PDB file of N, CA and C in Angstrom:
ATOM      1  N   UNK A   1       0.712  -1.304  -0.133  1.00  0.00           N
ATOM      2  CA  UNK A   1      -0.570  -0.205  -0.505  1.00  0.00           C
ATOM      3  C   UNK A   1       0.865   1.220   0.227  1.00  0.00           C
ATOM      4  N   UNK A   2       1.487   1.131   1.192  1.00  0.00           N
ATOM      5  CA  UNK A   2       3.026   2.623   1.267  1.00  0.00           C
ATOM      6  C   UNK A   2       4.014   2.760  -0.507  1.00  0.00           C
ATOM      7  N   UNK A   3       4.108   1.923  -1.061  1.00  0.00           N
ATOM      8  CA  UNK A   3       4.236   2.113  -2.681  1.00  0.00           C
ATOM      9  C   UNK A   3       3.386   2.349  -3.929  1.00  0.00           C
ATOM     10  N   UNK A   4       2.079   2.349  -3.685  1.00  0.00           N
ATOM     11  CA  UNK A   4       1.291   2.970  -3.839  1.00  0.00           C
ATOM     12  C   UNK A   4       0.461   4.076  -4.125  1.00  0.00           C
ATOM     13  N   UNK A   5       0.805   4.713  -2.791  1.00  0.00           N
ATOM     14  CA  UNK A   5       1.363   5.697  -1.969  1.00  0.00           C
ATOM     15  C   UNK A   5       2.146   6.929  -2.744  1.00  0.00           C
ATOM     16  N   UNK A   6       3.540   6.321  -2.283  1.00  0.00           N
ATOM     17  CA  UNK A   6       4.522   7.367  -2.456  1.00  0.00           C
ATOM     18  C   UNK A   6       4.526   7.159  -4.760  1.00  0.00           C
ATOM     19  N   UNK A   7       4.036   5.877  -5.262  1.00  0.00           N
ATOM     20  CA  UNK A   7       4.228   6.178  -6.771  1.00  0.00           C
ATOM     21  C   UNK A   7       3.022   7.440  -6.970  1.00  0.00           C
ATOM     22  N   UNK A   8       2.202   7.652  -6.263  1.00  0.00           N
ATOM     23  CA  UNK A   8       0.926   7.825  -7.007  1.00  0.00           C
ATOM     24  C   UNK A   8       1.253  10.062  -6.541  1.00  0.00           C
ATOM     25  N   UNK A   9       1.855  10.494  -5.123  1.00  0.00           N
ATOM     26  CA  UNK A   9       2.554  11.079  -4.587  1.00  0.00           C
ATOM     27  C   UNK A   9       3.968  11.802  -6.270  1.00  0.00           C
ATOM     28  N   UNK A  10       4.765  10.539  -6.111  1.00  0.00           N
ATOM     29  CA  UNK A  10       5.799  10.847  -7.342  1.00  0.00           C
ATOM     30  C   UNK A  10       5.083  11.490  -8.533  1.00  0.00           C
ATOM     31  N   UNK A  11       4.131  10.382  -9.153  1.00  0.00           N
ATOM     32  CA  UNK A  11       3.492  11.059 -10.668  1.00  0.00           C
ATOM     33  C   UNK A  11       2.520  12.151 -10.345  1.00  0.00           C
ATOM     34  N   UNK A  12       2.078  12.770  -9.110  1.00  0.00           N
ATOM     35  CA  UNK A  12       1.061  13.886  -9.359  1.00  0.00           C
ATOM     36  C   UNK A  12       2.644  15.256  -9.251  1.00  0.00           C
ATOM     37  N   UNK A  13       3.230  14.726  -8.441  1.00  0.00           N
ATOM     38  CA  UNK A  13       3.996  15.480  -8.308  1.00  0.00           C
ATOM     39  C   UNK A  13       5.119  16.102 -10.030  1.00  0.00           C
ATOM     40  N   UNK A  14       5.376  15.358 -10.504  1.00  0.00           N
ATOM     41  CA  UNK A  14       5.882  15.734 -11.943  1.00  0.00           C
ATOM     42  C   UNK A  14       4.459  16.587 -12.402  1.00  0.00           C
ATOM     43  N   UNK A  15       3.560  15.979 -12.601  1.00  0.00           N
ATOM     44  CA  UNK A  15       2.581  17.240 -12.665  1.00  0.00           C
ATOM     45  C   UNK A  15       2.470  17.810 -12.862  1.00  0.00           C
ATOM     46  N   UNK A  16       2.515  18.609 -11.684  1.00  0.00           N
ATOM     47  CA  UNK A  16       2.574  19.929 -10.872  1.00  0.00           C
ATOM     48  C   UNK A  16       3.766  20.165 -10.731  1.00  0.00           C
ATOM     49  N   UNK A  17       5.086  19.626 -11.295  1.00  0.00           N
ATOM     50  CA  UNK A  17       6.026  20.201 -11.391  1.00  0.00           C
ATOM     51  C   UNK A  17       6.687  21.559 -12.386  1.00  0.00           C
ATOM     52  N   UNK A  18       6.205  21.388 -13.930  1.00  0.00           N
ATOM     53  CA  UNK A  18       6.020  22.205 -14.316  1.00  0.00           C
ATOM     54  C   UNK A  18       5.334  23.983 -14.318  1.00  0.00           C
ATOM     55  N   UNK A  19       4.593  22.933 -13.727  1.00  0.00           N
ATOM     56  CA  UNK A  19       4.417  24.397 -12.933  1.00  0.00           C
ATOM     57  C   UNK A  19       4.679  25.596 -12.078  1.00  0.00           C
ATOM     58  N   UNK A  20       4.939  24.670 -11.112  1.00  0.00           N
ATOM     59  CA  UNK A  20       5.622  25.026  -9.652  1.00  0.00           C
ATOM     60  C   UNK A  20       6.726  25.791  -9.987  1.00  0.00           C
ATOM     61  N   UNK A  21       7.181  25.589 -11.488  1.00  0.00           N
ATOM     62  CA  UNK A  21       8.768  25.877 -12.853  1.00  0.00           C
ATOM     63  C   UNK A  21       7.884  27.453 -13.311  1.00  0.00           C
ATOM     64  N   UNK A  22       6.563  27.243 -13.638  1.00  0.00           N
ATOM     65  CA  UNK A  22       6.543  28.743 -13.783  1.00  0.00           C
ATOM     66  C   UNK A  22       6.023  29.608 -13.314  1.00  0.00           C
ATOM     67  N   UNK A  23       5.770  29.361 -12.320  1.00  0.00           N
ATOM     68  CA  UNK A  23       5.808  30.342 -11.031  1.00  0.00           C
ATOM     69  C   UNK A  23       7.011  30.448 -10.207  1.00  0.00           C
ATOM     70  N   UNK A  24       7.658  30.110 -10.532  1.00  0.00           N
ATOM     71  CA  UNK A  24       9.421  30.337  -9.721  1.00  0.00           C
ATOM     72  C   UNK A  24       9.555  30.728 -11.096  1.00  0.00           C
ATOM     73  N   UNK A  25       9.862  31.295 -12.084  1.00  0.00           N
ATOM     74  CA  UNK A  25       9.835  31.762 -13.137  1.00  0.00           C
ATOM     75  C   UNK A  25       9.202  33.071 -12.654  1.00  0.00           C
ATOM     76  N   UNK A  26       8.039  33.204 -12.836  1.00  0.00           N
ATOM     77  CA  UNK A  26       7.159  34.328 -12.850  1.00  0.00           C
ATOM     78  C   UNK A  26       8.192  35.389 -11.409  1.00  0.00           C
ATOM     79  N   UNK A  27       8.085  34.530 -10.027  1.00  0.00           N
ATOM     80  CA  UNK A  27       8.046  35.327  -9.368  1.00  0.00           C
ATOM     81  C   UNK A  27       9.845  36.117  -9.330  1.00  0.00           C
ATOM     82  N   UNK A  28      10.558  35.004  -9.871  1.00  0.00           N
ATOM     83  CA  UNK A  28      12.336  35.652 -10.428  1.00  0.00           C
ATOM     84  C   UNK A  28      12.106  37.212 -11.599  1.00  0.00           C
ATOM     85  N   UNK A  29      11.513  36.773 -11.800  1.00  0.00           N
ATOM     86  CA  UNK A  29      10.486  37.396 -13.348  1.00  0.00           C
ATOM     87  C   UNK A  29      10.999  38.881 -12.731  1.00  0.00           C
ATOM     88  N   UNK A  30       9.709  38.943 -11.857  1.00  0.00           N
ATOM     89  CA  UNK A  30       8.809  40.343 -10.226  1.00  0.00           C
ATOM     90  C   UNK A  30      10.607  41.533  -9.915  1.00  0.00           C
ATOM     91  N   UNK A  31      11.221  40.087  -9.020  1.00  0.00           N
ATOM     92  CA  UNK A  31      12.150  40.523  -8.077  1.00  0.00           C
ATOM     93  C   UNK A  31      13.076  40.770  -9.331  1.00  0.00           C
ATOM     94  N   UNK A  32      13.214  40.612 -10.047  1.00  0.00           N
ATOM     95  CA  UNK A  32      14.342  41.342 -11.059  1.00  0.00           C
ATOM     96  C   UNK A  32      14.154  42.724 -11.862  1.00  0.00           C
ATOM     97  N   UNK A  33      12.745  42.699 -11.943  1.00  0.00           N
ATOM     98  CA  UNK A  33      11.950  43.935 -12.298  1.00  0.00           C
ATOM     99  C   UNK A  33      11.997  44.745 -11.252  1.00  0.00           C
ATOM    100  N   UNK A  34      11.849  44.077  -9.873  1.00  0.00           N
ATOM    101  CA  UNK A  34      11.701  45.500  -9.173  1.00  0.00           C
ATOM    102  C   UNK A  34      13.329  45.659  -8.392  1.00  0.00           C
ATOM    103  N   UNK A  35      13.857  45.072  -8.969  1.00  0.00           N
ATOM    104  CA  UNK A  35      15.569  45.444  -8.836  1.00  0.00           C
ATOM    105  C   UNK A  35      15.916  46.178  -9.836  1.00  0.00           C
ATOM    106  N   UNK A  36      15.870  46.811 -11.070  1.00  0.00           N
ATOM    107  CA  UNK A  36      15.713  47.937 -11.875  1.00  0.00           C
ATOM    108  C   UNK A  36      16.677  46.398 -12.937  1.00  0.00           C
ATOM    109  N   UNK A  37      17.145  45.806 -13.176  1.00  0.00           N
ATOM    110  CA  UNK A  37      17.852  45.174 -13.782  1.00  0.00           C
ATOM    111  C   UNK A  37      16.966  44.802 -15.341  1.00  0.00           C
ATOM    112  N   UNK A  38      18.087  44.405 -16.171  1.00  0.00           N
ATOM    113  CA  UNK A  38      18.576  44.626 -17.465  1.00  0.00           C
ATOM    114  C   UNK A  38      19.712  43.748 -18.563  1.00  0.00           C
ATOM    115  N   UNK A  39      18.570  42.679 -19.622  1.00  0.00           N
ATOM    116  CA  UNK A  39      20.152  42.511 -20.063  1.00  0.00           C
ATOM    117  C   UNK A  39      19.954  41.420 -19.213  1.00  0.00           C
ATOM    118  N   UNK A  40      21.710  41.499 -19.708  1.00  0.00           N
ATOM    119  CA  UNK A  40      22.868  40.449 -19.248  1.00  0.00           C
ATOM    120  C   UNK A  40      22.729  39.879 -18.030  1.00  0.00           C
ATOM    121  N   UNK A  41      22.394  41.281 -16.390  1.00  0.00           N
ATOM    122  CA  UNK A  41      22.501  41.465 -15.386  1.00  0.00           C
ATOM    123  C   UNK A  41      21.108  40.846 -15.268  1.00  0.00           C
ATOM    124  N   UNK A  42      20.213  40.625 -15.805  1.00  0.00           N
ATOM    125  CA  UNK A  42      18.378  40.067 -15.540  1.00  0.00           C
ATOM    126  C   UNK A  42      18.173  39.224 -15.996  1.00  0.00           C
ATOM    127  N   UNK A  43      18.979  38.448 -16.821  1.00  0.00           N
ATOM    128  CA  UNK A  43      18.882  37.019 -17.269  1.00  0.00           C
ATOM    129  C   UNK A  43      20.164  36.668 -16.489  1.00  0.00           C
ATOM    130  N   UNK A  44      21.233  36.358 -15.593  1.00  0.00           N
ATOM    131  CA  UNK A  44      21.815  35.305 -14.795  1.00  0.00           C
ATOM    132  C   UNK A  44      21.588  35.908 -13.392  1.00  0.00           C
ATOM    133  N   UNK A  45      20.468  36.873 -12.900  1.00  0.00           N
ATOM    134  CA  UNK A  45      19.886  37.279 -11.564  1.00  0.00           C
ATOM    135  C   UNK A  45      18.896  35.306 -11.509  1.00  0.00           C
ATOM    136  N   UNK A  46      17.362  35.790 -12.639  1.00  0.00           N
ATOM    137  CA  UNK A  46      16.612  35.477 -12.546  1.00  0.00           C
ATOM    138  C   UNK A  46      17.057  33.434 -12.380  1.00  0.00           C
ATOM    139  N   UNK A  47      18.810  33.778 -13.212  1.00  0.00           N
ATOM    140  CA  UNK A  47      19.153  31.995 -13.429  1.00  0.00           C
ATOM    141  C   UNK A  47      19.513  31.859 -11.947  1.00  0.00           C
ATOM    142  N   UNK A  48      19.747  32.745 -11.366  1.00  0.00           N
ATOM    143  CA  UNK A  48      20.668  32.232  -9.743  1.00  0.00           C
ATOM    144  C   UNK A  48      19.393  32.010  -9.308  1.00  0.00           C
ATOM    145  N   UNK A  49      18.198  32.883  -9.002  1.00  0.00           N
ATOM    146  CA  UNK A  49      17.001  33.220  -8.135  1.00  0.00           C
ATOM    147  C   UNK A  49      16.385  31.758  -8.963  1.00  0.00           C
ATOM    148  N   UNK A  50      16.262  30.762  -9.325  1.00  0.00           N
ATOM    149  CA  UNK A  50      15.687  29.705 -10.111  1.00  0.00           C
ATOM    150  C   UNK A  50      16.797  28.766  -8.932  1.00  0.00           C
ATOM    151  N   UNK A  51      17.786  28.837  -9.296  1.00  0.00           N
ATOM    152  CA  UNK A  51      18.426  27.629  -8.838  1.00  0.00           C
ATOM    153  C   UNK A  51      18.275  27.784  -7.484  1.00  0.00           C
ATOM    154  N   UNK A  52      18.519  28.774  -7.165  1.00  0.00           N
ATOM    155  CA  UNK A  52      18.785  28.812  -5.795  1.00  0.00           C
ATOM    156  C   UNK A  52      16.768  28.514  -5.189  1.00  0.00           C
ATOM    157  N   UNK A  53      15.786  29.413  -5.457  1.00  0.00           N
ATOM    158  CA  UNK A  53      14.904  28.155  -5.707  1.00  0.00           C
ATOM    159  C   UNK A  53      14.898  26.356  -5.114  1.00  0.00           C
ATOM    160  N   UNK A  54      14.822  25.758  -6.415  1.00  0.00           N
ATOM    161  CA  UNK A  54      15.503  25.008  -6.457  1.00  0.00           C
ATOM    162  C   UNK A  54      15.274  24.022  -4.826  1.00  0.00           C
ATOM    163  N   UNK A  55      17.363  24.635  -5.313  1.00  0.00           N
ATOM    164  CA  UNK A  55      17.857  23.834  -3.664  1.00  0.00           C
ATOM    165  C   UNK A  55      16.921  24.078  -2.392  1.00  0.00           C
ATOM    166  N   UNK A  56      16.844  25.375  -2.298  1.00  0.00           N
ATOM    167  CA  UNK A  56      15.803  25.895  -0.750  1.00  0.00           C
ATOM    168  C   UNK A  56      14.934  24.117  -1.252  1.00  0.00           C
ATOM    169  N   UNK A  57      13.831  24.207  -2.162  1.00  0.00           N
ATOM    170  CA  UNK A  57      12.859  23.754  -1.893  1.00  0.00           C
ATOM    171  C   UNK A  57      13.492  21.836  -2.347  1.00  0.00           C
ATOM    172  N   UNK A  58      14.103  21.833  -2.443  1.00  0.00           N
ATOM    173  CA  UNK A  58      14.713  20.044  -2.353  1.00  0.00           C
ATOM    174  C   UNK A  58      15.144  19.981  -1.064  1.00  0.00           C
ATOM    175  N   UNK A  59      16.381  20.464  -0.734  1.00  0.00           N
ATOM    176  CA  UNK A  59      16.392  20.629   0.811  1.00  0.00           C
ATOM    177  C   UNK A  59      15.040  20.361   1.924  1.00  0.00           C
ATOM    178  N   UNK A  60      14.555  21.085   1.487  1.00  0.00           N
ATOM    179  CA  UNK A  60      13.190  21.130   2.123  1.00  0.00           C
ATOM    180  C   UNK A  60      12.370  19.919   2.136  1.00  0.00           C
ATOM    181  N   UNK A  61      11.517  19.575   1.076  1.00  0.00           N
ATOM    182  CA  UNK A  61      11.765  18.474   1.154  1.00  0.00           C
ATOM    183  C   UNK A  61      12.645  17.023   1.123  1.00  0.00           C
ATOM    184  N   UNK A  62      13.916  17.316   1.229  1.00  0.00           N
ATOM    185  CA  UNK A  62      14.310  15.665   2.676  1.00  0.00           C
ATOM    186  C   UNK A  62      14.312  16.107   3.485  1.00  0.00           C
ATOM    187  N   UNK A  63      14.622  17.185   4.299  1.00  0.00           N
ATOM    188  CA  UNK A  63      14.341  17.790   5.399  1.00  0.00           C
ATOM    189  C   UNK A  63      12.670  17.077   5.445  1.00  0.00           C
ATOM    190  N   UNK A  64      11.691  17.011   5.500  1.00  0.00           N
ATOM    191  CA  UNK A  64       9.825  16.662   5.419  1.00  0.00           C
ATOM    192  C   UNK A  64      10.252  14.925   5.681  1.00  0.00           C
ATOM    193  N   UNK A  65      11.264  14.364   4.178  1.00  0.00           N
ATOM    194  CA  UNK A  65      10.969  13.120   4.575  1.00  0.00           C
ATOM    195  C   UNK A  65      12.592  12.865   5.359  1.00  0.00           C
ATOM    196  N   UNK A  66      13.094  13.642   6.925  1.00  0.00           N
ATOM    197  CA  UNK A  66      13.713  13.187   7.046  1.00  0.00           C
ATOM    198  C   UNK A  66      15.128  12.668   6.937  1.00  0.00           C
ATOM    199  N   UNK A  67      15.542  12.794   5.780  1.00  0.00           N
ATOM    200  CA  UNK A  67      17.082  12.209   4.717  1.00  0.00           C
ATOM    201  C   UNK A  67      17.816  12.225   5.658  1.00  0.00           C
ATOM    202  N   UNK A  68      19.104  12.183   5.892  1.00  0.00           N
ATOM    203  CA  UNK A  68      20.330  12.434   6.075  1.00  0.00           C
ATOM    204  C   UNK A  68      21.818  11.512   5.510  1.00  0.00           C
ATOM    205  N   UNK A  69      22.590  11.948   5.449  1.00  0.00           N
ATOM    206  CA  UNK A  69      23.303  11.892   4.996  1.00  0.00           C
ATOM    207  C   UNK A  69      23.665  10.848   3.244  1.00  0.00           C
ATOM    208  N   UNK A  70      24.427   9.976   2.743  1.00  0.00           N
ATOM    209  CA  UNK A  70      23.683   9.740   2.002  1.00  0.00           C
ATOM    210  C   UNK A  70      22.256   9.936   0.460  1.00  0.00           C
ATOM    211  N   UNK A  71      21.227   9.120   1.484  1.00  0.00           N
ATOM    212  CA  UNK A  71      20.179   9.216   0.883  1.00  0.00           C
ATOM    213  C   UNK A  71      20.187  10.175   0.341  1.00  0.00           C
ATOM    214  N   UNK A  72      20.237  11.520   1.774  1.00  0.00           N
ATOM    215  CA  UNK A  72      19.853  13.028   1.148  1.00  0.00           C
ATOM    216  C   UNK A  72      20.046  13.541  -0.016  1.00  0.00           C
ATOM    217  N   UNK A  73      21.773  13.261   0.199  1.00  0.00           N
ATOM    218  CA  UNK A  73      22.458  14.278  -0.381  1.00  0.00           C
ATOM    219  C   UNK A  73      22.186  13.683  -2.367  1.00  0.00           C
ATOM    220  N   UNK A  74      21.390  11.892  -2.511  1.00  0.00           N
ATOM    221  CA  UNK A  74      21.316  11.598  -3.260  1.00  0.00           C
ATOM    222  C   UNK A  74      19.477  12.079  -3.887  1.00  0.00           C
ATOM    223  N   UNK A  75      19.041  12.358  -2.720  1.00  0.00           N
ATOM    224  CA  UNK A  75      17.305  13.073  -3.127  1.00  0.00           C
ATOM    225  C   UNK A  75      17.457  14.132  -3.545  1.00  0.00           C
ATOM    226  N   UNK A  76      18.478  15.041  -2.924  1.00  0.00           N
ATOM    227  CA  UNK A  76      18.363  16.721  -3.251  1.00  0.00           C
ATOM    228  C   UNK A  76      18.939  16.418  -4.998  1.00  0.00           C
ATOM    229  N   UNK A  77      20.549  16.061  -5.428  1.00  0.00           N
ATOM    230  CA  UNK A  77      20.296  16.188  -6.113  1.00  0.00           C
ATOM    231  C   UNK A  77      19.791  15.503  -7.533  1.00  0.00           C
ATOM    232  N   UNK A  78      18.815  14.203  -6.943  1.00  0.00           N
ATOM    233  CA  UNK A  78      17.871  13.636  -8.171  1.00  0.00           C
ATOM    234  C   UNK A  78      16.249  14.563  -8.470  1.00  0.00           C
ATOM    235  N   UNK A  79      16.616  15.173  -6.626  1.00  0.00           N
ATOM    236  CA  UNK A  79      15.076  16.527  -7.213  1.00  0.00           C
ATOM    237  C   UNK A  79      15.305  18.033  -7.955  1.00  0.00           C
ATOM    238  N   UNK A  80      16.603  18.260  -7.609  1.00  0.00           N
ATOM    239  CA  UNK A  80      17.133  18.736  -8.407  1.00  0.00           C
ATOM    240  C   UNK A  80      17.391  19.034 -10.475  1.00  0.00           C
ATOM    241  N   UNK A  81      18.135  18.191 -10.301  1.00  0.00           N
ATOM    242  CA  UNK A  81      18.271  17.252 -12.037  1.00  0.00           C
ATOM    243  C   UNK A  81      16.563  17.247 -12.307  1.00  0.00           C
ATOM    244  N   UNK A  82      15.933  16.545 -11.459  1.00  0.00           N
ATOM    245  CA  UNK A  82      14.103  16.650 -12.247  1.00  0.00           C
ATOM    246  C   UNK A  82      14.036  18.189 -12.230  1.00  0.00           C
ATOM    247  N   UNK A  83      13.709  19.092 -11.699  1.00  0.00           N
ATOM    248  CA  UNK A  83      13.261  20.533 -11.247  1.00  0.00           C
ATOM    249  C   UNK A  83      14.118  21.013 -12.929  1.00  0.00           C
ATOM    250  N   UNK A  84      15.436  21.208 -13.112  1.00  0.00           N
ATOM    251  CA  UNK A  84      15.954  21.295 -14.021  1.00  0.00           C
ATOM    252  C   UNK A  84      14.851  21.111 -15.945  1.00  0.00           C
ATOM    253  N   UNK A  85      15.231  19.576 -15.406  1.00  0.00           N
ATOM    254  CA  UNK A  85      14.582  19.053 -16.946  1.00  0.00           C
ATOM    255  C   UNK A  85      12.773  18.954 -16.966  1.00  0.00           C
ATOM    256  N   UNK A  86      12.015  19.564 -15.992  1.00  0.00           N
ATOM    257  CA  UNK A  86      10.972  20.257 -16.359  1.00  0.00           C
ATOM    258  C   UNK A  86      10.940  21.616 -16.336  1.00  0.00           C
ATOM    259  N   UNK A  87      11.925  22.082 -16.586  1.00  0.00           N
ATOM    260  CA  UNK A  87      12.227  23.794 -16.526  1.00  0.00           C
ATOM    261  C   UNK A  87      11.989  23.960 -18.062  1.00  0.00           C
ATOM    262  N   UNK A  88      12.936  22.148 -19.118  1.00  0.00           N
ATOM    263  CA  UNK A  88      13.340  23.293 -20.024  1.00  0.00           C
ATOM    264  C   UNK A  88      12.140  22.459 -21.487  1.00  0.00           C
TER     265      UNK A  88
END
């Protein structure tokens, strides 16, 4: 039963990930506008903002799952990879 719940949760996360990535991008763009950034500085800021948001989100999920050590590192690495794949 737990495996089915985990599978459903993972598949739902994959469905909602692109929407979350779009929201994250819009939030980072809004921050860039607020800071009055243009051109290359704006693009660089948005990329860093999105990367920081993904890293923070993946670390928070690892905390929720109470992962430590190698399991945590593996989870965060896969989470970041999956997030960047959904972004493109």
